[in-house]
Amino acid sequence: MAMKITDECISCGACVPECPTNSISEGTPVYVIDAKTCVECVGHADSPQCVAVCPNESIVKA
């Protein structure tokens, strides 16, 4: 269970502070989510918070 960031990412960084497990980092050319630590916000929120703040819907289930 993890999320991933697609190539449509505009590298705005809005998702980074929303991640309770610090699983999102700046990649080349787009941000990336570490699937080993991503828990889709289970135990932290009702839904993945990165998805809620992404301005162009580039975060999807892996």
PDB file of N, CA and C in Angstrom:
ATOM      1  N   MET A   1       0.842  -1.162   0.000  1.00  0.00           N
ATOM      2  CA  MET A   1       0.000   0.000   0.000  1.00  0.00           C
ATOM      3  C   MET A   1       0.893   1.232   0.000  1.00  0.00           C
ATOM      4  N   ALA A   2       0.825   1.973  -1.090  1.00  0.00           N
ATOM      5  CA  ALA A   2       1.644   3.178  -1.230  1.00  0.00           C
ATOM      6  C   ALA A   2       1.083   4.044  -2.355  1.00  0.00           C
ATOM      7  N   MET A   3       1.523   5.265  -2.368  1.00  0.00           N
ATOM      8  CA  MET A   3       1.150   6.193  -3.421  1.00  0.00           C
ATOM      9  C   MET A   3       2.377   6.396  -4.302  1.00  0.00           C
ATOM     10  N   LYS A   4       2.158   6.927  -5.510  1.00  0.00           N
ATOM     11  CA  LYS A   4       3.281   7.292  -6.365  1.00  0.00           C
ATOM     12  C   LYS A   4       2.957   8.602  -7.070  1.00  0.00           C
ATOM     13  N   ILE A   5       3.992   9.282  -7.483  1.00  0.00           N
ATOM     14  CA  ILE A   5       3.854  10.566  -8.175  1.00  0.00           C
ATOM     15  C   ILE A   5       4.164  10.333  -9.648  1.00  0.00           C
ATOM     16  N   THR A   6       3.251  10.753 -10.502  1.00  0.00           N
ATOM     17  CA  THR A   6       3.402  10.543 -11.946  1.00  0.00           C
ATOM     18  C   THR A   6       4.248  11.642 -12.573  1.00  0.00           C
ATOM     19  N   ASP A   7       4.538  11.459 -13.841  1.00  0.00           N
ATOM     20  CA  ASP A   7       5.344  12.431 -14.584  1.00  0.00           C
ATOM     21  C   ASP A   7       4.642  13.766 -14.777  1.00  0.00           C
ATOM     22  N   GLU A   8       3.354  13.831 -14.443  1.00  0.00           N
ATOM     23  CA  GLU A   8       2.624  15.094 -14.565  1.00  0.00           C
ATOM     24  C   GLU A   8       2.951  16.058 -13.424  1.00  0.00           C
ATOM     25  N   CYS A   9       3.730  15.609 -12.443  1.00  0.00           N
ATOM     26  CA  CYS A   9       4.117  16.440 -11.294  1.00  0.00           C
ATOM     27  C   CYS A   9       4.787  17.722 -11.782  1.00  0.00           C
ATOM     28  N   ILE A  10       4.392  18.844 -11.192  1.00  0.00           N
ATOM     29  CA  ILE A  10       4.982  20.134 -11.559  1.00  0.00           C
ATOM     30  C   ILE A  10       6.036  20.574 -10.541  1.00  0.00           C
ATOM     31  N   SER A  11       6.397  19.682  -9.630  1.00  0.00           N
ATOM     32  CA  SER A  11       7.439  19.924  -8.621  1.00  0.00           C
ATOM     33  C   SER A  11       7.170  21.158  -7.771  1.00  0.00           C
ATOM     34  N   CYS A  12       5.911  21.337  -7.381  1.00  0.00           N
ATOM     35  CA  CYS A  12       5.552  22.499  -6.563  1.00  0.00           C
ATOM     36  C   CYS A  12       5.927  22.305  -5.094  1.00  0.00           C
ATOM     37  N   GLY A  13       6.023  21.037  -4.652  1.00  0.00           N
ATOM     38  CA  GLY A  13       6.409  20.747  -3.280  1.00  0.00           C
ATOM     39  C   GLY A  13       5.293  20.813  -2.260  1.00  0.00           C
ATOM     40  N   ALA A  14       4.070  21.026  -2.689  1.00  0.00           N
ATOM     41  CA  ALA A  14       2.947  21.142  -1.756  1.00  0.00           C
ATOM     42  C   ALA A  14       2.727  19.862  -0.954  1.00  0.00           C
ATOM     43  N   CYS A  15       3.076  18.741  -1.518  1.00  0.00           N
ATOM     44  CA  CYS A  15       2.842  17.448  -0.863  1.00  0.00           C
ATOM     45  C   CYS A  15       3.830  17.156   0.269  1.00  0.00           C
ATOM     46  N   VAL A  16       5.017  17.675   0.194  1.00  0.00           N
ATOM     47  CA  VAL A  16       6.084  17.334   1.142  1.00  0.00           C
ATOM     48  C   VAL A  16       5.691  17.565   2.601  1.00  0.00           C
ATOM     49  N   PRO A  17       5.225  18.751   2.979  1.00  0.00           N
ATOM     50  CA  PRO A  17       4.901  18.957   4.392  1.00  0.00           C
ATOM     51  C   PRO A  17       3.658  18.206   4.863  1.00  0.00           C
ATOM     52  N   GLU A  18       2.863  17.687   3.939  1.00  0.00           N
ATOM     53  CA  GLU A  18       1.648  16.966   4.296  1.00  0.00           C
ATOM     54  C   GLU A  18       1.901  15.507   4.671  1.00  0.00           C
ATOM     55  N   CYS A  19       3.065  14.973   4.344  1.00  0.00           N
ATOM     56  CA  CYS A  19       3.349  13.554   4.557  1.00  0.00           C
ATOM     57  C   CYS A  19       3.770  13.286   6.000  1.00  0.00           C
ATOM     58  N   PRO A  20       2.962  12.514   6.747  1.00  0.00           N
ATOM     59  CA  PRO A  20       3.280  12.244   8.150  1.00  0.00           C
ATOM     60  C   PRO A  20       4.457  11.296   8.358  1.00  0.00           C
ATOM     61  N   THR A  21       4.851  10.576   7.307  1.00  0.00           N
ATOM     62  CA  THR A  21       5.970   9.642   7.426  1.00  0.00           C
ATOM     63  C   THR A  21       7.219  10.120   6.689  1.00  0.00           C
ATOM     64  N   ASN A  22       7.203  11.358   6.225  1.00  0.00           N
ATOM     65  CA  ASN A  22       8.346  11.937   5.497  1.00  0.00           C
ATOM     66  C   ASN A  22       8.793  11.052   4.335  1.00  0.00           C
ATOM     67  N   SER A  23       7.823  10.506   3.623  1.00  0.00           N
ATOM     68  CA  SER A  23       8.114   9.592   2.516  1.00  0.00           C
ATOM     69  C   SER A  23       8.302  10.294   1.179  1.00  0.00           C
ATOM     70  N   ILE A  24       8.056  11.589   1.113  1.00  0.00           N
ATOM     71  CA  ILE A  24       8.141  12.322  -0.151  1.00  0.00           C
ATOM     72  C   ILE A  24       9.419  13.142  -0.173  1.00  0.00           C
ATOM     73  N   SER A  25      10.139  13.035  -1.290  1.00  0.00           N
ATOM     74  CA  SER A  25      11.368  13.812  -1.439  1.00  0.00           C
ATOM     75  C   SER A  25      11.494  14.310  -2.868  1.00  0.00           C
ATOM     76  N   GLU A  26      12.360  15.287  -3.043  1.00  0.00           N
ATOM     77  CA  GLU A  26      12.571  15.858  -4.366  1.00  0.00           C
ATOM     78  C   GLU A  26      13.389  14.885  -5.201  1.00  0.00           C
ATOM     79  N   GLY A  27      12.868  14.571  -6.364  1.00  0.00           N
ATOM     80  CA  GLY A  27      13.572  13.683  -7.279  1.00  0.00           C
ATOM     81  C   GLY A  27      13.923  14.430  -8.546  1.00  0.00           C
ATOM     82  N   THR A  28      14.385  13.707  -9.544  1.00  0.00           N
ATOM     83  CA  THR A  28      14.727  14.317 -10.816  1.00  0.00           C
ATOM     84  C   THR A  28      13.916  13.633 -11.899  1.00  0.00           C
ATOM     85  N   PRO A  29      13.057  14.261 -12.600  1.00  0.00           N
ATOM     86  CA  PRO A  29      12.694  15.676 -12.526  1.00  0.00           C
ATOM     87  C   PRO A  29      11.503  15.970 -11.616  1.00  0.00           C
ATOM     88  N   VAL A  30      10.842  14.932 -11.087  1.00  0.00           N
ATOM     89  CA  VAL A  30       9.654  15.136 -10.253  1.00  0.00           C
ATOM     90  C   VAL A  30       9.872  14.585  -8.854  1.00  0.00           C
ATOM     91  N   TYR A  31       9.008  14.956  -7.927  1.00  0.00           N
ATOM     92  CA  TYR A  31       9.078  14.432  -6.567  1.00  0.00           C
ATOM     93  C   TYR A  31       8.785  12.936  -6.581  1.00  0.00           C
ATOM     94  N   VAL A  32       9.287  12.227  -5.559  1.00  0.00           N
ATOM     95  CA  VAL A  32       9.089  10.781  -5.476  1.00  0.00           C
ATOM     96  C   VAL A  32       8.584  10.411  -4.085  1.00  0.00           C
ATOM     97  N   ILE A  33       7.893   9.273  -4.015  1.00  0.00           N
ATOM     98  CA  ILE A  33       7.389   8.744  -2.745  1.00  0.00           C
ATOM     99  C   ILE A  33       8.084   7.418  -2.480  1.00  0.00           C
ATOM    100  N   ASP A  34       8.652   7.270  -1.294  1.00  0.00           N
ATOM    101  CA  ASP A  34       9.299   6.028  -0.896  1.00  0.00           C
ATOM    102  C   ASP A  34       8.214   5.014  -0.535  1.00  0.00           C
ATOM    103  N   ALA A  35       8.037   4.004  -1.371  1.00  0.00           N
ATOM    104  CA  ALA A  35       6.986   3.006  -1.174  1.00  0.00           C
ATOM    105  C   ALA A  35       7.196   2.180   0.098  1.00  0.00           C
ATOM    106  N   LYS A  36       8.416   2.124   0.586  1.00  0.00           N
ATOM    107  CA  LYS A  36       8.708   1.353   1.801  1.00  0.00           C
ATOM    108  C   LYS A  36       8.156   2.018   3.054  1.00  0.00           C
ATOM    109  N   THR A  37       8.030   3.351   3.022  1.00  0.00           N
ATOM    110  CA  THR A  37       7.566   4.061   4.214  1.00  0.00           C
ATOM    111  C   THR A  37       6.197   4.700   4.064  1.00  0.00           C
ATOM    112  N   CYS A  38       5.683   4.784   2.840  1.00  0.00           N
ATOM    113  CA  CYS A  38       4.357   5.364   2.613  1.00  0.00           C
ATOM    114  C   CYS A  38       3.281   4.428   3.156  1.00  0.00           C
ATOM    115  N   VAL A  39       2.390   4.986   3.966  1.00  0.00           N
ATOM    116  CA  VAL A  39       1.284   4.204   4.538  1.00  0.00           C
ATOM    117  C   VAL A  39      -0.075   4.751   4.094  1.00  0.00           C
ATOM    118  N   GLU A  40      -0.073   5.590   3.049  1.00  0.00           N
ATOM    119  CA  GLU A  40      -1.297   6.225   2.546  1.00  0.00           C
ATOM    120  C   GLU A  40      -2.032   6.961   3.662  1.00  0.00           C
ATOM    121  N   CYS A  41      -1.296   7.440   4.629  1.00  0.00           N
ATOM    122  CA  CYS A  41      -1.804   8.208   5.777  1.00  0.00           C
ATOM    123  C   CYS A  41      -2.683   7.392   6.725  1.00  0.00           C
ATOM    124  N   VAL A  42      -2.697   6.060   6.571  1.00  0.00           N
ATOM    125  CA  VAL A  42      -3.453   5.208   7.484  1.00  0.00           C
ATOM    126  C   VAL A  42      -2.904   5.403   8.891  1.00  0.00           C
ATOM    127  N   GLY A  43      -3.803   5.676   9.825  1.00  0.00           N
ATOM    128  CA  GLY A  43      -3.408   5.948  11.195  1.00  0.00           C
ATOM    129  C   GLY A  43      -3.082   7.405  11.453  1.00  0.00           C
ATOM    130  N   HIS A  44      -3.070   8.210  10.389  1.00  0.00           N
ATOM    131  CA  HIS A  44      -2.757   9.631  10.505  1.00  0.00           C
ATOM    132  C   HIS A  44      -3.898  10.523  10.020  1.00  0.00           C
ATOM    133  N   ALA A  45      -4.595  10.068   8.983  1.00  0.00           N
ATOM    134  CA  ALA A  45      -5.685  10.848   8.380  1.00  0.00           C
ATOM    135  C   ALA A  45      -6.644   9.885   7.681  1.00  0.00           C
ATOM    136  N   ASP A  46      -7.804  10.392   7.291  1.00  0.00           N
ATOM    137  CA  ASP A  46      -8.813   9.563   6.640  1.00  0.00           C
ATOM    138  C   ASP A  46      -8.469   9.186   5.202  1.00  0.00           C
ATOM    139  N   SER A  47      -7.595   9.963   4.581  1.00  0.00           N
ATOM    140  CA  SER A  47      -7.202   9.705   3.199  1.00  0.00           C
ATOM    141  C   SER A  47      -5.800  10.271   2.987  1.00  0.00           C
ATOM    142  N   PRO A  48      -5.123   9.880   1.906  1.00  0.00           N
ATOM    143  CA  PRO A  48      -3.785  10.400   1.641  1.00  0.00           C
ATOM    144  C   PRO A  48      -3.788  11.927   1.502  1.00  0.00           C
ATOM    145  N   GLN A  49      -3.070  12.572   2.377  1.00  0.00           N
ATOM    146  CA  GLN A  49      -3.066  14.030   2.396  1.00  0.00           C
ATOM    147  C   GLN A  49      -2.313  14.634   1.219  1.00  0.00           C
ATOM    148  N   CYS A  50      -1.349  13.914   0.681  1.00  0.00           N
ATOM    149  CA  CYS A  50      -0.618  14.421  -0.483  1.00  0.00           C
ATOM    150  C   CYS A  50      -1.561  14.570  -1.680  1.00  0.00           C
ATOM    151  N   VAL A  51      -2.483  13.630  -1.822  1.00  0.00           N
ATOM    152  CA  VAL A  51      -3.454  13.683  -2.917  1.00  0.00           C
ATOM    153  C   VAL A  51      -4.346  14.911  -2.767  1.00  0.00           C
ATOM    154  N   ALA A  52      -4.742  15.201  -1.542  1.00  0.00           N
ATOM    155  CA  ALA A  52      -5.644  16.327  -1.284  1.00  0.00           C
ATOM    156  C   ALA A  52      -5.033  17.675  -1.659  1.00  0.00           C
ATOM    157  N   VAL A  53      -3.713  17.816  -1.544  1.00  0.00           N
ATOM    158  CA  VAL A  53      -3.093  19.119  -1.815  1.00  0.00           C
ATOM    159  C   VAL A  53      -2.452  19.223  -3.192  1.00  0.00           C
ATOM    160  N   CYS A  54      -2.373  18.110  -3.921  1.00  0.00           N
ATOM    161  CA  CYS A  54      -1.738  18.141  -5.242  1.00  0.00           C
ATOM    162  C   CYS A  54      -2.584  18.973  -6.214  1.00  0.00           C
ATOM    163  N   PRO A  55      -1.996  20.017  -6.799  1.00  0.00           N
ATOM    164  CA  PRO A  55      -2.778  20.897  -7.676  1.00  0.00           C
ATOM    165  C   PRO A  55      -3.136  20.307  -9.038  1.00  0.00           C
ATOM    166  N   ASN A  56      -2.471  19.236  -9.458  1.00  0.00           N
ATOM    167  CA  ASN A  56      -2.799  18.688 -10.769  1.00  0.00           C
ATOM    168  C   ASN A  56      -3.035  17.181 -10.768  1.00  0.00           C
ATOM    169  N   GLU A  57      -3.407  16.638  -9.599  1.00  0.00           N
ATOM    170  CA  GLU A  57      -3.796  15.237  -9.489  1.00  0.00           C
ATOM    171  C   GLU A  57      -2.742  14.268 -10.019  1.00  0.00           C
ATOM    172  N   SER A  58      -1.477  14.523  -9.698  1.00  0.00           N
ATOM    173  CA  SER A  58      -0.401  13.665 -10.198  1.00  0.00           C
ATOM    174  C   SER A  58       0.045  12.618  -9.185  1.00  0.00           C
ATOM    175  N   ILE A  59      -0.717  12.452  -8.082  1.00  0.00           N
ATOM    176  CA  ILE A  59      -0.395  11.431  -7.096  1.00  0.00           C
ATOM    177  C   ILE A  59      -1.510  10.380  -7.130  1.00  0.00           C
ATOM    178  N   VAL A  60      -1.102   9.136  -7.372  1.00  0.00           N
ATOM    179  CA  VAL A  60      -2.037   8.031  -7.535  1.00  0.00           C
ATOM    180  C   VAL A  60      -1.572   6.834  -6.723  1.00  0.00           C
ATOM    181  N   LYS A  61      -2.456   5.824  -6.578  1.00  0.00           N
ATOM    182  CA  LYS A  61      -2.056   4.581  -5.912  1.00  0.00           C
ATOM    183  C   LYS A  61      -1.013   3.864  -6.747  1.00  0.00           C
ATOM    184  N   ALA A  62      -0.015   3.332  -6.078  1.00  0.00           N
ATOM    185  CA  ALA A  62       1.065   2.623  -6.792  1.00  0.00           C
ATOM    186  C   ALA A  62       0.581   1.266  -7.265  1.00  0.00           C
TER     187      ALA A  62
END
